[in-house]
N, C-alpha and C. Protein backbone atom coordinates (compact mmCIF):
# COMPACT_ATOMS: atom_id res chain seq x y z
N MET A 1 0.61 -0.95 0.23
CA MET A 1 -0.19 0.15 0.23
C MET A 1 1.28 1.24 -0.14
N ALA A 2 0.55 2.14 -0.61
CA ALA A 2 1.43 3.25 -0.91
C ALA A 2 1.31 4.11 0.30
N GLU A 3 1.93 5.16 0.71
CA GLU A 3 2.26 5.76 1.99
C GLU A 3 1.47 6.90 1.68
N ILE A 4 0.57 6.85 2.94
CA ILE A 4 -0.73 7.86 2.89
C ILE A 4 -0.04 9.11 3.34
N ALA A 5 0.16 10.51 2.88
CA ALA A 5 0.83 11.80 2.96
C ALA A 5 -0.18 12.48 4.22
N PHE A 6 0.64 12.76 5.57
CA PHE A 6 0.53 13.52 6.58
C PHE A 6 1.21 14.62 7.02
N THR A 7 1.06 15.93 6.67
CA THR A 7 1.81 16.68 6.98
C THR A 7 1.83 17.92 7.46
N PRO A 8 2.30 18.95 8.14
CA PRO A 8 1.82 20.01 8.97
C PRO A 8 0.83 21.14 7.79
N ASP A 9 1.20 20.90 6.46
CA ASP A 9 0.44 21.97 5.08
C ASP A 9 -0.83 21.24 5.26
N LEU A 10 -1.23 20.15 5.49
CA LEU A 10 -2.43 19.56 5.34
C LEU A 10 -3.25 19.48 6.27
N VAL A 11 -2.90 20.39 7.34
CA VAL A 11 -3.71 20.75 8.53
C VAL A 11 -4.01 22.50 8.10
N VAL A 12 -5.64 22.48 8.16
CA VAL A 12 -6.02 24.03 8.10
C VAL A 12 -7.06 24.03 9.38
N VAL A 13 -6.77 25.26 9.85
CA VAL A 13 -7.67 25.88 10.98
C VAL A 13 -8.41 26.60 10.06
N ILE A 14 -9.73 26.62 10.27
CA ILE A 14 -10.99 27.33 9.31
C ILE A 14 -11.72 27.50 10.32
N ASP A 15 -11.82 29.42 10.58
CA ASP A 15 -12.64 29.86 11.68
C ASP A 15 -13.51 30.68 11.02
N ASN A 16 -14.05 30.69 9.43
CA ASN A 16 -14.79 31.28 8.96
C ASN A 16 -15.51 30.60 7.86
N ALA A 17 -15.96 29.53 7.79
CA ALA A 17 -16.90 28.89 7.21
C ALA A 17 -18.15 28.60 7.79
N THR A 18 -19.19 28.92 7.20
CA THR A 18 -20.35 28.61 7.74
C THR A 18 -21.43 27.37 7.33
N THR A 19 -20.95 26.55 6.16
CA THR A 19 -21.12 25.32 5.66
C THR A 19 -20.53 24.25 5.57
N TYR A 20 -21.07 23.39 5.41
CA TYR A 20 -20.25 21.84 4.80
C TYR A 20 -19.33 21.95 3.57
N GLN A 21 -20.26 22.63 2.41
CA GLN A 21 -19.59 22.94 1.09
C GLN A 21 -18.23 23.83 1.19
N GLU A 22 -18.44 24.90 2.02
CA GLU A 22 -17.48 25.65 2.06
C GLU A 22 -16.34 24.96 2.83
N VAL A 23 -16.49 24.59 3.68
CA VAL A 23 -15.43 23.44 4.22
C VAL A 23 -14.67 22.27 3.81
N GLU A 24 -15.35 21.75 2.48
CA GLU A 24 -15.17 20.81 1.98
C GLU A 24 -14.46 21.25 0.71
N SER A 25 -14.77 22.38 0.09
CA SER A 25 -14.11 23.11 -0.66
C SER A 25 -12.57 23.59 -0.37
N ILE A 26 -12.46 24.09 0.84
CA ILE A 26 -11.36 24.60 1.41
C ILE A 26 -10.30 23.64 1.74
N LEU A 27 -10.77 22.26 1.82
CA LEU A 27 -9.70 21.35 2.32
C LEU A 27 -9.45 20.50 0.94
N ALA A 28 -10.21 20.70 -0.39
CA ALA A 28 -10.14 19.91 -1.51
C ALA A 28 -9.36 20.80 -2.12
N GLU A 29 -9.64 22.04 -2.17
CA GLU A 29 -8.45 23.00 -3.14
C GLU A 29 -7.34 22.73 -2.14
N ARG A 30 -6.86 22.53 -1.25
CA ARG A 30 -5.34 22.67 -0.31
C ARG A 30 -4.98 21.33 -1.08
N LEU A 31 -5.73 20.20 -1.32
CA LEU A 31 -5.15 19.05 -1.70
C LEU A 31 -4.68 19.29 -3.02
N VAL A 32 -5.53 19.94 -3.63
CA VAL A 32 -5.45 19.89 -5.34
C VAL A 32 -3.67 21.25 -5.50
N GLN A 33 -4.04 22.14 -4.86
CA GLN A 33 -3.30 23.24 -4.78
C GLN A 33 -1.26 22.68 -4.06
N LEU A 34 -1.70 21.71 -3.52
CA LEU A 34 -0.48 20.84 -3.16
C LEU A 34 0.08 19.32 -3.90
N GLY A 35 -0.79 19.55 -4.87
CA GLY A 35 -0.70 18.57 -5.84
C GLY A 35 -1.01 16.79 -5.45
N TYR A 36 -1.78 16.53 -4.62
CA TYR A 36 -1.77 15.47 -3.87
C TYR A 36 -3.45 14.79 -4.79
N ALA A 37 -4.37 15.62 -5.33
CA ALA A 37 -5.41 15.76 -5.96
C ALA A 37 -5.45 16.40 -7.40
N LYS A 38 -6.38 15.64 -8.01
CA LYS A 38 -6.72 16.51 -9.69
C LYS A 38 -7.63 17.40 -9.42
N ASP A 39 -7.98 18.28 -10.61
CA ASP A 39 -8.46 19.21 -10.73
C ASP A 39 -10.13 18.87 -10.43
N THR A 40 -10.21 17.56 -10.76
CA THR A 40 -11.51 16.77 -10.66
C THR A 40 -12.00 16.73 -9.23
N TYR A 41 -10.92 16.64 -8.40
CA TYR A 41 -11.23 16.44 -6.81
C TYR A 41 -12.35 17.06 -5.88
N PRO A 42 -12.39 18.01 -6.15
CA PRO A 42 -13.46 19.03 -5.63
C PRO A 42 -15.02 18.84 -5.93
N GLN A 43 -15.16 18.59 -7.03
CA GLN A 43 -16.67 18.51 -7.84
C GLN A 43 -16.90 17.02 -7.15
N ALA A 44 -16.05 16.09 -7.31
CA ALA A 44 -15.99 14.65 -6.89
C ALA A 44 -16.38 14.43 -5.15
N ILE A 45 -15.85 15.82 -4.52
CA ILE A 45 -16.16 15.01 -2.82
C ILE A 45 -17.47 16.19 -2.88
N ALA A 46 -18.08 16.90 -3.60
CA ALA A 46 -19.14 17.57 -3.49
C ALA A 46 -20.30 16.86 -3.89
N GLU A 47 -19.76 16.32 -5.00
CA GLU A 47 -20.92 15.25 -5.59
C GLU A 47 -21.22 14.13 -4.59
N ARG A 48 -20.25 13.41 -4.23
CA ARG A 48 -20.25 12.15 -2.90
C ARG A 48 -21.03 12.50 -1.99
N GLU A 49 -20.30 13.56 -1.50
CA GLU A 49 -21.50 13.90 -0.08
C GLU A 49 -22.41 14.22 -0.49
N THR A 50 -23.28 14.47 -1.44
CA THR A 50 -24.55 14.95 -1.58
C THR A 50 -25.26 13.93 -1.70
N ASN A 51 -24.79 12.67 -2.67
CA ASN A 51 -25.17 11.55 -2.35
C ASN A 51 -25.04 10.38 -1.14
N TYR A 52 -23.67 10.62 -0.31
CA TYR A 52 -23.17 9.60 0.31
C TYR A 52 -23.11 10.66 2.02
N PRO A 53 -23.73 11.17 2.33
CA PRO A 53 -23.31 11.64 3.64
C PRO A 53 -22.10 11.46 4.57
N THR A 54 -20.96 12.54 5.26
CA THR A 54 -19.74 11.86 5.97
C THR A 54 -19.89 11.95 7.38
N GLY A 55 -21.02 12.76 7.72
CA GLY A 55 -21.07 13.10 9.06
C GLY A 55 -21.27 12.18 10.24
N LEU A 56 -20.23 12.19 11.33
CA LEU A 56 -20.46 11.17 12.15
C LEU A 56 -20.74 11.88 13.60
N ASP A 57 -21.55 11.49 13.99
CA ASP A 57 -22.40 11.94 15.17
C ASP A 57 -21.54 10.94 16.33
N VAL A 58 -20.84 11.70 17.14
CA VAL A 58 -20.58 10.79 18.21
C VAL A 58 -20.83 11.55 19.59
N GLU A 59 -22.22 12.18 19.46
CA GLU A 59 -22.70 13.01 20.85
C GLU A 59 -21.33 13.20 21.44
N GLY A 60 -20.30 13.89 21.28
CA GLY A 60 -19.42 14.94 21.56
C GLY A 60 -18.89 15.96 20.60
N ILE A 61 -17.50 15.85 20.36
CA ILE A 61 -17.13 16.51 18.97
C ILE A 61 -17.02 15.64 18.27
N ASN A 62 -18.14 16.23 17.31
CA ASN A 62 -18.44 15.50 15.85
C ASN A 62 -17.64 15.61 14.68
N ALA A 63 -17.36 14.68 13.83
CA ALA A 63 -16.36 14.81 12.76
C ALA A 63 -16.98 14.28 11.15
N ALA A 64 -16.71 14.92 10.30
CA ALA A 64 -16.94 14.36 8.92
C ALA A 64 -15.62 13.49 8.23
N MET A 65 -15.91 12.63 7.55
CA MET A 65 -14.88 12.21 7.03
C MET A 65 -15.08 11.91 5.46
N PRO A 66 -14.80 13.14 4.16
CA PRO A 66 -15.22 13.21 2.89
C PRO A 66 -14.51 12.54 2.20
N HIS A 67 -14.38 11.82 0.98
CA HIS A 67 -13.59 10.88 0.30
C HIS A 67 -14.03 10.98 -0.99
N CYS A 68 -13.66 10.74 -2.48
CA CYS A 68 -14.34 9.93 -3.44
C CYS A 68 -13.14 9.60 -4.21
N ASP A 69 -13.99 8.95 -4.95
CA ASP A 69 -13.29 8.00 -6.06
C ASP A 69 -11.62 7.97 -6.29
N ILE A 70 -10.84 7.28 -6.28
CA ILE A 70 -9.40 7.13 -6.42
C ILE A 70 -9.06 7.36 -7.76
N ALA A 71 -9.83 7.93 -8.70
CA ALA A 71 -9.54 8.33 -10.25
C ALA A 71 -9.18 10.05 -9.81
N ASN A 72 -9.73 10.39 -9.23
CA ASN A 72 -9.60 12.20 -8.73
C ASN A 72 -8.28 12.43 -7.77
N VAL A 73 -7.66 11.03 -7.52
CA VAL A 73 -6.15 11.46 -6.78
C VAL A 73 -4.77 11.19 -7.45
N ASN A 74 -3.55 12.03 -7.70
CA ASN A 74 -2.87 11.65 -7.91
C ASN A 74 -2.14 11.02 -7.03
N ASN A 75 -1.49 11.38 -5.52
CA ASN A 75 -0.83 10.81 -4.60
C ASN A 75 -1.77 10.89 -3.24
N PRO A 76 -1.45 9.76 -2.61
CA PRO A 76 -2.79 9.62 -1.21
C PRO A 76 -1.69 10.70 -0.45
N ALA A 77 -2.88 10.92 0.35
CA ALA A 77 -2.87 11.97 1.67
C ALA A 77 -4.43 12.22 2.37
N ILE A 78 -3.74 12.61 3.55
CA ILE A 78 -5.21 13.18 4.63
C ILE A 78 -4.98 14.34 4.84
N CYS A 79 -6.19 15.17 4.73
CA CYS A 79 -6.31 16.50 4.65
C CYS A 79 -7.17 17.34 6.16
N VAL A 80 -7.02 17.36 6.94
CA VAL A 80 -7.66 17.85 8.13
C VAL A 80 -7.97 19.28 8.64
N GLY A 81 -9.30 19.64 8.77
CA GLY A 81 -9.71 20.46 8.80
C GLY A 81 -10.21 20.51 10.20
N VAL A 82 -9.80 21.77 11.06
CA VAL A 82 -10.48 21.87 12.86
C VAL A 82 -11.14 23.21 12.40
N LEU A 83 -12.20 23.30 12.63
CA LEU A 83 -13.23 24.24 12.72
C LEU A 83 -13.52 24.84 13.74
N LYS A 84 -13.33 26.20 13.81
CA LYS A 84 -13.34 26.96 15.20
C LYS A 84 -14.88 27.01 15.51
N ASN A 85 -15.39 26.99 14.57
CA ASN A 85 -17.26 27.46 14.56
C ASN A 85 -17.73 26.14 13.75
N PRO A 86 -18.19 25.39 14.88
CA PRO A 86 -18.91 23.85 14.09
C PRO A 86 -20.00 24.18 12.71
N VAL A 87 -20.23 23.61 11.91
CA VAL A 87 -21.04 23.72 11.18
C VAL A 87 -21.95 22.19 10.93
N ALA A 88 -23.00 22.92 10.40
CA ALA A 88 -24.07 21.51 10.29
C ALA A 88 -23.66 20.81 8.96
N TRP A 89 -23.72 19.17 9.55
CA TRP A 89 -23.06 18.29 8.60
C TRP A 89 -23.91 17.17 8.36
N ARG A 90 -24.48 16.62 7.23
CA ARG A 90 -25.68 15.39 6.91
C ARG A 90 -24.97 14.50 7.78
N LYS A 91 -25.90 13.63 8.22
CA LYS A 91 -25.35 12.54 8.93
C LYS A 91 -25.09 11.46 8.19
N MET A 92 -23.80 10.17 8.62
CA MET A 92 -23.71 9.56 7.85
C MET A 92 -24.90 8.40 7.66
N ASP A 93 -25.17 7.95 9.09
CA ASP A 93 -26.24 7.47 9.53
C ASP A 93 -27.72 7.52 9.26
N ASP A 94 -28.26 8.97 9.17
CA ASP A 94 -29.43 9.45 8.67
C ASP A 94 -29.28 10.52 8.07
N PRO A 95 -29.27 10.35 6.61
CA PRO A 95 -29.00 11.84 5.80
C PRO A 95 -29.86 13.19 6.21
N ASP A 96 -31.04 12.68 6.61
CA ASP A 96 -31.94 13.50 6.50
C ASP A 96 -32.06 14.88 7.90
N ALA A 97 -30.92 13.90 8.91
CA ALA A 97 -30.37 14.63 10.03
C ALA A 97 -29.08 15.20 9.59
N THR A 98 -28.57 16.47 10.65
CA THR A 98 -27.58 16.67 10.80
C THR A 98 -26.83 16.91 12.37
N CYS A 99 -25.47 16.48 12.02
CA CYS A 99 -25.06 17.08 13.49
C CYS A 99 -23.90 18.22 13.14
N GLN A 100 -23.69 18.62 14.43
CA GLN A 100 -22.51 19.70 13.97
C GLN A 100 -21.01 19.43 14.20
N VAL A 101 -20.42 19.64 13.05
CA VAL A 101 -18.92 19.07 13.09
C VAL A 101 -17.82 20.10 13.16
N SER A 102 -16.99 19.42 14.30
CA SER A 102 -15.67 20.31 14.12
C SER A 102 -14.63 20.09 13.42
N LEU A 103 -14.20 18.56 13.48
CA LEU A 103 -12.89 18.07 12.71
C LEU A 103 -13.43 17.21 11.60
N VAL A 104 -12.61 17.75 10.29
CA VAL A 104 -13.03 16.73 9.14
C VAL A 104 -11.91 16.62 8.68
N THR A 105 -11.75 15.26 8.29
CA THR A 105 -10.62 14.51 8.04
C THR A 105 -10.88 13.95 6.30
N MET A 106 -10.35 14.64 5.67
CA MET A 106 -10.77 14.45 4.33
C MET A 106 -9.75 13.53 3.26
N LEU A 107 -9.82 12.50 3.11
CA LEU A 107 -9.19 11.32 2.59
C LEU A 107 -8.82 11.53 0.93
N ALA A 108 -7.92 11.20 0.30
CA ALA A 108 -7.14 11.74 -0.77
C ALA A 108 -6.45 10.28 -1.16
N LEU A 109 -7.49 9.03 -1.51
CA LEU A 109 -6.39 8.08 -1.46
C LEU A 109 -6.30 7.34 -2.79
N THR A 110 -5.25 6.32 -2.84
CA THR A 110 -4.98 5.89 -4.60
C THR A 110 -5.70 4.36 -4.66
N GLU A 111 -5.87 3.98 -3.49
CA GLU A 111 -6.16 2.51 -3.72
C GLU A 111 -7.40 2.64 -3.05
N ALA A 112 -8.00 1.76 -3.83
CA ALA A 112 -9.80 1.37 -3.56
C ALA A 112 -9.93 0.71 -2.31
N HIS A 113 -9.11 -0.12 -1.76
CA HIS A 113 -9.49 -0.43 -0.33
C HIS A 113 -8.62 0.25 0.88
N ALA A 114 -7.96 0.82 0.57
CA ALA A 114 -7.01 1.54 1.57
C ALA A 114 -7.59 2.88 2.63
N HIS A 115 -8.86 3.31 1.98
CA HIS A 115 -9.91 3.82 2.76
C HIS A 115 -10.20 3.36 3.73
N ILE A 116 -10.44 1.64 3.96
CA ILE A 116 -10.70 1.10 5.32
C ILE A 116 -10.13 1.05 6.30
N ASP A 117 -8.76 0.84 6.32
CA ASP A 117 -7.73 0.91 7.33
C ASP A 117 -7.68 2.45 7.82
N MET A 118 -7.57 3.48 6.68
CA MET A 118 -7.40 4.53 7.16
C MET A 118 -9.00 5.15 7.92
N LEU A 119 -9.95 4.82 7.27
CA LEU A 119 -11.33 5.02 8.10
C LEU A 119 -11.45 4.37 9.69
N THR A 120 -11.05 3.54 9.72
CA THR A 120 -10.64 2.66 11.07
C THR A 120 -9.65 3.74 12.02
N LYS A 121 -8.54 4.00 11.43
CA LYS A 121 -7.88 5.11 12.12
C LYS A 121 -8.29 6.54 12.66
N VAL A 122 -9.14 6.55 11.62
CA VAL A 122 -9.91 8.11 11.65
C VAL A 122 -11.06 7.80 12.62
N VAL A 123 -11.52 6.45 12.68
CA VAL A 123 -12.82 6.54 13.77
C VAL A 123 -11.85 6.39 15.42
N ALA A 124 -10.94 5.40 14.99
CA ALA A 124 -9.95 5.79 16.82
C ALA A 124 -10.06 6.99 17.10
N LEU A 125 -9.40 7.77 16.30
CA LEU A 125 -9.30 8.91 16.91
C LEU A 125 -10.88 10.09 17.11
N ILE A 126 -11.59 9.98 16.38
CA ILE A 126 -12.88 10.45 16.80
C ILE A 126 -13.38 10.25 18.16
N GLN A 127 -13.41 8.92 18.39
CA GLN A 127 -13.70 8.45 19.50
C GLN A 127 -12.58 8.44 20.66
N ASN A 128 -11.74 8.86 20.52
CA ASN A 128 -10.74 9.53 21.78
C ASN A 128 -10.93 11.07 22.06
N GLN A 129 -12.60 11.23 22.46
CA GLN A 129 -12.99 12.44 22.86
C GLN A 129 -12.02 13.54 23.54
N ASP A 130 -11.28 12.80 24.70
CA ASP A 130 -9.95 13.61 25.54
C ASP A 130 -8.77 14.25 24.23
N LEU A 131 -8.60 13.48 23.28
CA LEU A 131 -7.59 13.99 22.52
C LEU A 131 -8.52 15.07 21.32
N MET A 132 -9.57 14.30 21.10
CA MET A 132 -11.01 15.69 20.32
C MET A 132 -10.57 16.96 20.73
N LYS A 133 -10.67 17.24 21.95
CA LYS A 133 -10.65 18.18 22.74
C LYS A 133 -9.67 19.44 22.06
N GLN A 134 -8.54 18.43 22.67
CA GLN A 134 -7.25 19.16 22.70
C GLN A 134 -6.81 19.81 20.92
N ILE A 135 -7.44 18.86 20.03
CA ILE A 135 -7.31 18.93 18.77
C ILE A 135 -8.05 20.60 18.64
N VAL A 136 -9.50 20.24 18.64
CA VAL A 136 -10.27 21.26 18.44
C VAL A 136 -9.98 22.67 19.14
N GLY A 137 -9.32 22.58 20.73
CA GLY A 137 -9.30 23.55 21.16
C GLY A 137 -7.57 24.09 21.08
N SER A 138 -7.17 23.87 19.96
CA SER A 138 -6.09 24.24 19.53
C SER A 138 -6.09 25.43 18.26
N GLU A 139 -5.11 26.60 18.38
CA GLU A 139 -4.96 27.04 17.51
C GLU A 139 -4.16 27.29 16.19
N ASN A 140 -3.48 26.50 16.49
CA ASN A 140 -2.02 26.60 15.58
C ASN A 140 -2.00 24.56 14.89
N ALA A 141 -1.77 25.01 13.72
CA ALA A 141 -1.91 23.83 12.76
C ALA A 141 -0.81 22.62 12.86
N ASP A 142 0.69 23.45 13.30
CA ASP A 142 1.66 22.77 13.81
C ASP A 142 1.39 21.78 14.76
N GLU A 143 0.78 22.14 15.92
CA GLU A 143 0.11 21.40 17.13
C GLU A 143 -0.72 20.87 17.04
N ILE A 144 -1.57 20.91 16.10
CA ILE A 144 -2.78 20.07 15.55
C ILE A 144 -2.26 18.55 14.87
N TYR A 145 -0.97 19.03 13.83
CA TYR A 145 -0.64 18.10 13.22
C TYR A 145 0.40 17.10 14.22
N LYS A 146 1.10 17.57 15.38
CA LYS A 146 1.52 16.61 16.31
C LYS A 146 0.16 15.80 16.99
N LEU A 147 -0.35 16.47 17.37
CA LEU A 147 -1.59 15.76 18.12
C LEU A 147 -2.14 14.50 17.40
N ILE A 148 -2.47 14.86 16.42
CA ILE A 148 -3.12 13.75 15.32
C ILE A 148 -2.26 12.71 14.69
N ALA A 149 -0.69 13.45 14.38
CA ALA A 149 0.14 12.39 13.44
C ALA A 149 0.25 10.73 14.17
N GLY A 150 0.37 10.58 15.56
CA GLY A 150 0.23 9.30 15.89
C GLY A 150 -0.66 8.41 15.61
N SER A 151 -1.86 9.26 15.98
CA SER A 151 -3.52 8.49 15.65
C SER A 151 -3.50 7.90 13.79
N LEU A 152 -2.77 8.44 13.21
CA LEU A 152 -2.56 8.09 12.02
C LEU A 152 -1.57 7.58 11.30
N SER A 153 -0.93 7.19 12.02
CA SER A 153 0.38 6.24 11.33
C SER A 153 0.27 4.70 11.50
């Protein structure tokens, strides 16, 4: 399996987004800008989220895990957005409902099965609510990177 990139420049602190669409656009554009994703990636993310929402309500600090088809990715990476103001995100298990999301882990993968392993790691991270509080409470992308990196390796 190809190494999945996760570096400090793949962590974005977002303090001005008001919709999940804005958040997805910010993170998807970062992946394109850094060369991990193709120009088709932002639209593919938006379309997939419309059909298959990724909000995960853990009755605490909630998260979302948007991803799309591997055809839209150049090199595997994970981009993390920490939202200073949570936004309503359609829930994975109940698309007609929303939850307030504070952490977004956007997956850009090049192998169809690779997302299962990474999703498992992301879910474990989300379930660690003490760590989630530290992540969401941080203002600094480098600090957030250090808090998350161990969970995703």
